[in-house]
Amino acid sequence: MSILRVEDLTRTYSSGGRDLTVLHGVSFAIEPGDTFSIVGPSGSGKTTLLGLCAGLDRATSGSVYLNDIRLDTLNEDQRAAIRNQYVGFIFQNFQLLPTLTALENVMVPLELRGEKGAKQTAQSLLERVGLGQRGHHYPTQLSGGEQQRVSLARAFANRPKILFADEPTGNLDTDTSATVIDLLFELNREAGTTLVLVTHDLDLAAKTNRIIRIKGGTMANG
């Protein structure tokens, strides 16, 4: 069974009284434990595609099956519950909660699931990403690379079946990017998580098992 299956996905937005098609007729499937890149230039539709795959947005037509659950038949609350149960996220701009410490940020998905021992689990994850001594710091007290490592710990906190990473090194320098990516792939292998990576960095994409290219909202050959 595919962990993610996309069938003839199209997304059209209304803009200034006109319809703008951002994605058209995209189809693919990803097997459990696979690593997968979606690449393309800025504005190609790849981030829109990721949002549809994760149930953050609803397609105009076509279907998305996540862990064999058809997302387009669910309402917003139901899709949020599916994300909390099966999905982890890493974003280009980290999206840590500024009023929470690093430790508290990692605890959030665990507490949303009502899990016991959230603090101990979060502390162990921070140690795994090399930030065991920084748990009491707030995001503004951390470097970009440290913030992204906190977001890695948070993403793996709920032991997701699939992890969506949207330009995870887009705001980092080269050396820091290398550290974060090595850690991402290490954690992914250890957890056996399926990784879907959106990037314009072809060197990063080459680290995954499969690559699809999006150009002008459609899948491109080669």
C-alpha atoms as a PDB file:
ATOM      1  CA  MET A   1       0.000   0.000   0.000  1.00  0.00           C
ATOM      2  CA  SER A   2       1.326   3.439  -0.927  1.00  0.00           C
ATOM      3  CA  ILE A   3       1.740   5.857   1.975  1.00  0.00           C
ATOM      4  CA  LEU A   4       0.867   8.722  -0.394  1.00  0.00           C
ATOM      5  CA  ARG A   5      -1.043   8.512  -3.664  1.00  0.00           C
ATOM      6  CA  VAL A   6      -1.888  11.518  -5.811  1.00  0.00           C
ATOM      7  CA  GLU A   7      -4.357  11.079  -8.669  1.00  0.00           C
ATOM      8  CA  ASP A   8      -4.869  13.653 -11.438  1.00  0.00           C
ATOM      9  CA  LEU A   9      -4.493  16.564  -9.042  1.00  0.00           C
ATOM     10  CA  THR A  10      -5.480  20.045 -10.245  1.00  0.00           C
ATOM     11  CA  ARG A  11      -5.576  23.284  -8.244  1.00  0.00           C
ATOM     12  CA  THR A  12      -7.106  26.452  -9.682  1.00  0.00           C
ATOM     13  CA  TYR A  13      -7.419  29.807  -7.920  1.00  0.00           C
ATOM     14  CA  SER A  14      -9.596  32.787  -8.813  1.00  0.00           C
ATOM     15  CA  SER A  15      -7.536  35.947  -9.220  1.00  0.00           C
ATOM     16  CA  GLY A  16      -8.908  39.265 -10.457  1.00  0.00           C
ATOM     17  CA  GLY A  17     -11.947  37.610 -11.949  1.00  0.00           C
ATOM     18  CA  ARG A  18      -9.820  35.058 -13.822  1.00  0.00           C
ATOM     19  CA  ASP A  19      -8.968  31.449 -13.070  1.00  0.00           C
ATOM     20  CA  LEU A  20      -5.298  30.699 -12.491  1.00  0.00           C
ATOM     21  CA  THR A  21      -4.334  27.028 -12.680  1.00  0.00           C
ATOM     22  CA  VAL A  22      -1.327  26.403 -10.434  1.00  0.00           C
ATOM     23  CA  LEU A  23      -1.279  22.611 -10.794  1.00  0.00           C
ATOM     24  CA  HIS A  24      -2.733  20.452 -13.540  1.00  0.00           C
ATOM     25  CA  GLY A  25      -3.096  16.683 -13.785  1.00  0.00           C
ATOM     26  CA  VAL A  26      -0.345  15.638 -11.370  1.00  0.00           C
ATOM     27  CA  SER A  27      -0.221  11.933 -10.424  1.00  0.00           C
ATOM     28  CA  PHE A  28       2.311   9.828  -8.502  1.00  0.00           C
ATOM     29  CA  ALA A  29       2.592   7.355  -5.630  1.00  0.00           C
ATOM     30  CA  ILE A  30       5.135   7.008  -2.820  1.00  0.00           C
ATOM     31  CA  GLU A  31       5.852   3.793  -0.961  1.00  0.00           C
ATOM     32  CA  PRO A  32       6.381   3.625   2.829  1.00  0.00           C
ATOM     33  CA  GLY A  33       9.939   4.465   3.859  1.00  0.00           C
ATOM     34  CA  ASP A  34      10.823   6.027   0.506  1.00  0.00           C
ATOM     35  CA  THR A  35      12.631   9.365   0.106  1.00  0.00           C
ATOM     36  CA  PHE A  36      11.167  11.599  -2.568  1.00  0.00           C
ATOM     37  CA  SER A  37      11.933  15.063  -3.936  1.00  0.00           C
ATOM     38  CA  ILE A  38       9.663  17.522  -5.703  1.00  0.00           C
ATOM     39  CA  VAL A  39      11.829  20.001  -7.601  1.00  0.00           C
ATOM     40  CA  GLY A  40      11.142  22.989  -9.790  1.00  0.00           C
ATOM     41  CA  PRO A  41      11.758  26.720 -10.106  1.00  0.00           C
ATOM     42  CA  SER A  42      10.032  29.296  -7.911  1.00  0.00           C
ATOM     43  CA  GLY A  43       6.373  29.597  -8.878  1.00  0.00           C
ATOM     44  CA  SER A  44       6.241  26.152 -10.477  1.00  0.00           C
ATOM     45  CA  GLY A  45       3.576  24.884  -8.067  1.00  0.00           C
ATOM     46  CA  LYS A  46       5.710  22.562  -5.940  1.00  0.00           C
ATOM     47  CA  THR A  47       4.810  24.142  -2.574  1.00  0.00           C
ATOM     48  CA  THR A  48       1.133  24.132  -3.575  1.00  0.00           C
ATOM     49  CA  LEU A  49       1.508  20.430  -4.360  1.00  0.00           C
ATOM     50  CA  LEU A  50       3.049  19.750  -0.957  1.00  0.00           C
ATOM     51  CA  GLY A  51       0.197  21.586   0.770  1.00  0.00           C
ATOM     52  CA  LEU A  52      -2.355  19.460  -1.077  1.00  0.00           C
ATOM     53  CA  CYS A  53      -0.480  16.254  -0.241  1.00  0.00           C
ATOM     54  CA  ALA A  54      -0.486  17.181   3.455  1.00  0.00           C
ATOM     55  CA  GLY A  55      -4.144  18.168   3.510  1.00  0.00           C
ATOM     56  CA  LEU A  56      -3.362  21.829   4.205  1.00  0.00           C
ATOM     57  CA  ASP A  57      -5.329  22.788   1.109  1.00  0.00           C
ATOM     58  CA  ARG A  58      -8.051  21.165  -0.947  1.00  0.00           C
ATOM     59  CA  ALA A  59      -7.652  20.375  -4.644  1.00  0.00           C
ATOM     60  CA  THR A  60     -10.007  21.735  -7.296  1.00  0.00           C
ATOM     61  CA  SER A  61     -10.151  18.234  -8.766  1.00  0.00           C
ATOM     62  CA  GLY A  62      -8.352  14.944  -8.306  1.00  0.00           C
ATOM     63  CA  SER A  63      -7.638  13.000  -5.133  1.00  0.00           C
ATOM     64  CA  VAL A  64      -4.974  12.596  -2.455  1.00  0.00           C
ATOM     65  CA  TYR A  65      -4.744   9.396  -0.416  1.00  0.00           C
ATOM     66  CA  LEU A  66      -2.589   9.614   2.717  1.00  0.00           C
ATOM     67  CA  ASN A  67      -2.068   6.270   4.456  1.00  0.00           C
ATOM     68  CA  ASP A  68      -4.986   5.061   2.283  1.00  0.00           C
ATOM     69  CA  ILE A  69      -7.272   7.816   3.624  1.00  0.00           C
ATOM     70  CA  ARG A  70      -8.845  10.016   0.957  1.00  0.00           C
ATOM     71  CA  LEU A  71      -8.201  13.568   2.138  1.00  0.00           C
ATOM     72  CA  ASP A  72     -10.535  15.404  -0.239  1.00  0.00           C
ATOM     73  CA  THR A  73     -13.580  13.756   1.370  1.00  0.00           C
ATOM     74  CA  LEU A  74     -12.668  15.136   4.828  1.00  0.00           C
ATOM     75  CA  ASN A  75     -13.437  18.489   6.415  1.00  0.00           C
ATOM     76  CA  GLU A  76     -10.742  20.755   7.853  1.00  0.00           C
ATOM     77  CA  ASP A  77     -10.917  19.352  11.381  1.00  0.00           C
ATOM     78  CA  GLN A  78     -10.726  15.782  10.119  1.00  0.00           C
ATOM     79  CA  ARG A  79      -7.702  16.598   7.964  1.00  0.00           C
ATOM     80  CA  ALA A  80      -6.028  18.261  10.967  1.00  0.00           C
ATOM     81  CA  ALA A  81      -6.578  15.082  12.983  1.00  0.00           C
ATOM     82  CA  ILE A  82      -4.984  13.012  10.209  1.00  0.00           C
ATOM     83  CA  ARG A  83      -1.968  15.345  10.134  1.00  0.00           C
ATOM     84  CA  ASN A  84      -1.564  15.104  13.897  1.00  0.00           C
ATOM     85  CA  GLN A  85      -1.641  11.326  13.702  1.00  0.00           C
ATOM     86  CA  TYR A  86       0.518  10.643  10.649  1.00  0.00           C
ATOM     87  CA  VAL A  87       2.399  13.749   9.458  1.00  0.00           C
ATOM     88  CA  GLY A  88       5.486  15.763  10.417  1.00  0.00           C
ATOM     89  CA  PHE A  89       6.483  19.135   8.927  1.00  0.00           C
ATOM     90  CA  ILE A  90       9.693  21.087   8.442  1.00  0.00           C
ATOM     91  CA  PHE A  91       9.398  24.589   6.987  1.00  0.00           C
ATOM     92  CA  GLN A  92      11.878  27.014   5.441  1.00  0.00           C
ATOM     93  CA  ASN A  93      11.063  29.660   8.068  1.00  0.00           C
ATOM     94  CA  PHE A  94      11.055  27.139  10.968  1.00  0.00           C
ATOM     95  CA  GLN A  95       7.584  28.180  12.261  1.00  0.00           C
ATOM     96  CA  LEU A  96       8.500  27.745  15.908  1.00  0.00           C
ATOM     97  CA  LEU A  97       6.152  29.363  18.403  1.00  0.00           C
ATOM     98  CA  PRO A  98       8.032  32.459  19.651  1.00  0.00           C
ATOM     99  CA  THR A  99       6.498  32.478  23.124  1.00  0.00           C
ATOM    100  CA  LEU A 100       7.570  28.888  23.841  1.00  0.00           C
ATOM    101  CA  THR A 101      11.041  27.596  24.656  1.00  0.00           C
ATOM    102  CA  ALA A 102      12.769  25.078  22.412  1.00  0.00           C
ATOM    103  CA  LEU A 103      11.703  22.274  24.748  1.00  0.00           C
ATOM    104  CA  GLU A 104       8.111  23.484  24.824  1.00  0.00           C
ATOM    105  CA  ASN A 105       8.007  23.741  21.022  1.00  0.00           C
ATOM    106  CA  VAL A 106       9.028  20.090  20.710  1.00  0.00           C
ATOM    107  CA  MET A 107       6.444  19.119  23.327  1.00  0.00           C
ATOM    108  CA  VAL A 108       3.527  20.681  21.401  1.00  0.00           C
ATOM    109  CA  PRO A 109       2.675  17.737  19.080  1.00  0.00           C
ATOM    110  CA  LEU A 110       3.069  15.290  21.971  1.00  0.00           C
ATOM    111  CA  GLU A 111       0.718  17.277  24.190  1.00  0.00           C
ATOM    112  CA  LEU A 112      -1.811  17.623  21.364  1.00  0.00           C
ATOM    113  CA  ARG A 113      -1.890  13.822  21.230  1.00  0.00           C
ATOM    114  CA  GLY A 114      -2.274  13.623  25.006  1.00  0.00           C
ATOM    115  CA  GLU A 115       0.867  11.528  25.396  1.00  0.00           C
ATOM    116  CA  LYS A 116       2.418  10.974  28.795  1.00  0.00           C
ATOM    117  CA  GLY A 117       6.074  11.793  29.348  1.00  0.00           C
ATOM    118  CA  ALA A 118       6.035  14.581  26.736  1.00  0.00           C
ATOM    119  CA  LYS A 119       8.775  16.544  28.503  1.00  0.00           C
ATOM    120  CA  GLN A 120      11.132  13.576  28.713  1.00  0.00           C
ATOM    121  CA  THR A 121      10.523  12.612  25.089  1.00  0.00           C
ATOM    122  CA  ALA A 122      11.079  16.199  23.918  1.00  0.00           C
ATOM    123  CA  GLN A 123      14.294  16.460  25.924  1.00  0.00           C
ATOM    124  CA  SER A 124      15.598  13.228  24.383  1.00  0.00           C
ATOM    125  CA  LEU A 125      14.840  14.554  20.893  1.00  0.00           C
ATOM    126  CA  LEU A 126      16.635  17.832  21.617  1.00  0.00           C
ATOM    127  CA  GLU A 127      19.651  15.849  22.775  1.00  0.00           C
ATOM    128  CA  ARG A 128      19.492  13.799  19.581  1.00  0.00           C
ATOM    129  CA  VAL A 129      19.765  16.971  17.481  1.00  0.00           C
ATOM    130  CA  GLY A 130      22.582  18.339  19.641  1.00  0.00           C
ATOM    131  CA  LEU A 131      20.550  20.896  21.586  1.00  0.00           C
ATOM    132  CA  GLY A 132      20.101  19.161  24.917  1.00  0.00           C
ATOM    133  CA  GLN A 133      21.480  22.188  26.768  1.00  0.00           C
ATOM    134  CA  ARG A 134      19.408  24.750  24.854  1.00  0.00           C
ATOM    135  CA  GLY A 135      15.905  23.613  25.764  1.00  0.00           C
ATOM    136  CA  HIS A 136      15.223  26.652  27.954  1.00  0.00           C
ATOM    137  CA  HIS A 137      16.087  29.109  25.150  1.00  0.00           C
ATOM    138  CA  TYR A 138      13.419  30.856  23.103  1.00  0.00           C
ATOM    139  CA  PRO A 139      13.576  30.855  19.267  1.00  0.00           C
ATOM    140  CA  THR A 140      14.934  34.423  19.138  1.00  0.00           C
ATOM    141  CA  GLN A 141      17.865  33.267  21.294  1.00  0.00           C
ATOM    142  CA  LEU A 142      18.803  30.554  18.784  1.00  0.00           C
ATOM    143  CA  SER A 143      20.596  30.742  15.452  1.00  0.00           C
ATOM    144  CA  GLY A 144      18.799  29.772  12.246  1.00  0.00           C
ATOM    145  CA  GLY A 145      20.502  26.388  12.216  1.00  0.00           C
ATOM    146  CA  GLU A 146      19.542  25.762  15.838  1.00  0.00           C
ATOM    147  CA  GLN A 147      15.947  26.753  15.162  1.00  0.00           C
ATOM    148  CA  GLN A 148      15.802  24.320  12.260  1.00  0.00           C
ATOM    149  CA  ARG A 149      17.213  21.557  14.466  1.00  0.00           C
ATOM    150  CA  VAL A 150      14.472  22.295  17.001  1.00  0.00           C
ATOM    151  CA  SER A 151      11.935  22.010  14.191  1.00  0.00           C
ATOM    152  CA  LEU A 152      13.492  18.648  13.226  1.00  0.00           C
ATOM    153  CA  ALA A 153      13.041  17.400  16.780  1.00  0.00           C
ATOM    154  CA  ARG A 154       9.443  18.655  16.757  1.00  0.00           C
ATOM    155  CA  ALA A 155       8.727  17.024  13.389  1.00  0.00           C
ATOM    156  CA  PHE A 156       9.793  13.596  14.630  1.00  0.00           C
ATOM    157  CA  ALA A 157       8.123  13.971  18.045  1.00  0.00           C
ATOM    158  CA  ASN A 158       4.881  12.290  17.022  1.00  0.00           C
ATOM    159  CA  ARG A 159       6.707   9.494  15.134  1.00  0.00           C
ATOM    160  CA  PRO A 160       5.131  10.455  11.795  1.00  0.00           C
ATOM    161  CA  LYS A 161       4.575   8.001   8.986  1.00  0.00           C
ATOM    162  CA  ILE A 162       5.424  10.730   6.480  1.00  0.00           C
ATOM    163  CA  LEU A 163       7.482  13.908   6.787  1.00  0.00           C
ATOM    164  CA  PHE A 164       6.998  16.905   4.497  1.00  0.00           C
ATOM    165  CA  ALA A 165       9.999  19.267   4.277  1.00  0.00           C
ATOM    166  CA  ASP A 166       9.475  22.521   2.360  1.00  0.00           C
ATOM    167  CA  GLU A 167      12.823  24.095   1.385  1.00  0.00           C
ATOM    168  CA  PRO A 168      14.293  23.054   4.765  1.00  0.00           C
ATOM    169  CA  THR A 169      17.654  24.740   4.094  1.00  0.00           C
ATOM    170  CA  GLY A 170      16.299  27.799   2.269  1.00  0.00           C
ATOM    171  CA  ASN A 171      17.213  30.198   5.101  1.00  0.00           C
ATOM    172  CA  LEU A 172      20.521  28.593   6.091  1.00  0.00           C
ATOM    173  CA  ASP A 173      24.122  29.059   4.993  1.00  0.00           C
ATOM    174  CA  THR A 174      25.970  26.240   3.218  1.00  0.00           C
ATOM    175  CA  ASP A 175      27.735  24.741   6.234  1.00  0.00           C
ATOM    176  CA  THR A 176      24.657  24.904   8.456  1.00  0.00           C
ATOM    177  CA  SER A 177      22.550  23.426   5.634  1.00  0.00           C
ATOM    178  CA  ALA A 178      24.845  20.411   5.376  1.00  0.00           C
ATOM    179  CA  THR A 179      24.532  19.745   9.118  1.00  0.00           C
ATOM    180  CA  VAL A 180      20.740  20.013   9.081  1.00  0.00           C
ATOM    181  CA  ILE A 181      20.360  17.797   6.013  1.00  0.00           C
ATOM    182  CA  ASP A 182      22.661  15.097   7.402  1.00  0.00           C
ATOM    183  CA  LEU A 183      20.621  15.113  10.592  1.00  0.00           C
ATOM    184  CA  LEU A 184      17.332  15.012   8.676  1.00  0.00           C
ATOM    185  CA  PHE A 185      18.352  11.936   6.697  1.00  0.00           C
ATOM    186  CA  GLU A 186      19.815  10.222   9.794  1.00  0.00           C
ATOM    187  CA  LEU A 187      16.621  10.738  11.798  1.00  0.00           C
ATOM    188  CA  ASN A 188      14.545   9.656   8.827  1.00  0.00           C
ATOM    189  CA  ARG A 189      16.488   6.380   8.442  1.00  0.00           C
ATOM    190  CA  GLU A 190      16.301   5.657  12.168  1.00  0.00           C
ATOM    191  CA  ALA A 191      12.546   6.241  12.280  1.00  0.00           C
ATOM    192  CA  GLY A 192      11.752   4.557   8.943  1.00  0.00           C
ATOM    193  CA  THR A 193       9.725   7.622   7.978  1.00  0.00           C
ATOM    194  CA  THR A 194       8.703   8.445   4.408  1.00  0.00           C
ATOM    195  CA  LEU A 195      10.332  11.748   3.396  1.00  0.00           C
ATOM    196  CA  VAL A 196       8.853  14.161   0.850  1.00  0.00           C
ATOM    197  CA  LEU A 197      11.206  17.044   0.163  1.00  0.00           C
ATOM    198  CA  VAL A 198      10.328  20.207  -1.775  1.00  0.00           C
ATOM    199  CA  THR A 199      13.424  22.013  -3.030  1.00  0.00           C
ATOM    200  CA  HIS A 200      15.006  23.906  -5.909  1.00  0.00           C
ATOM    201  CA  ASP A 201      18.422  22.527  -4.818  1.00  0.00           C
ATOM    202  CA  LEU A 202      19.234  19.683  -7.204  1.00  0.00           C
ATOM    203  CA  ASP A 203      22.177  18.508  -5.072  1.00  0.00           C
ATOM    204  CA  LEU A 204      19.824  18.070  -2.135  1.00  0.00           C
ATOM    205  CA  ALA A 205      17.203  16.378  -4.307  1.00  0.00           C
ATOM    206  CA  ALA A 206      19.839  13.917  -5.528  1.00  0.00           C
ATOM    207  CA  LYS A 207      20.099  12.534  -1.980  1.00  0.00           C
ATOM    208  CA  THR A 208      16.567  11.114  -2.263  1.00  0.00           C
ATOM    209  CA  ASN A 209      15.571   7.891  -4.010  1.00  0.00           C
ATOM    210  CA  ARG A 210      13.133   9.527  -6.426  1.00  0.00           C
ATOM    211  CA  ILE A 211      12.677  12.944  -7.997  1.00  0.00           C
ATOM    212  CA  ILE A 212       9.719  14.468  -9.804  1.00  0.00           C
ATOM    213  CA  ARG A 213      10.027  17.791 -11.583  1.00  0.00           C
ATOM    214  CA  ILE A 214       7.226  20.339 -11.650  1.00  0.00           C
ATOM    215  CA  LYS A 215       7.270  22.991 -14.352  1.00  0.00           C
ATOM    216  CA  GLY A 216       4.389  25.361 -14.987  1.00  0.00           C
ATOM    217  CA  GLY A 217       2.141  23.320 -12.721  1.00  0.00           C
ATOM    218  CA  THR A 218       2.618  20.015 -14.545  1.00  0.00           C
ATOM    219  CA  MET A 219       5.015  17.103 -14.172  1.00  0.00           C
ATOM    220  CA  ALA A 220       7.956  17.531 -16.533  1.00  0.00           C
ATOM    221  CA  ASN A 221      10.011  14.766 -18.105  1.00  0.00           C
ATOM    222  CA  GLY A 222      13.725  14.552 -17.340  1.00  0.00           C
END
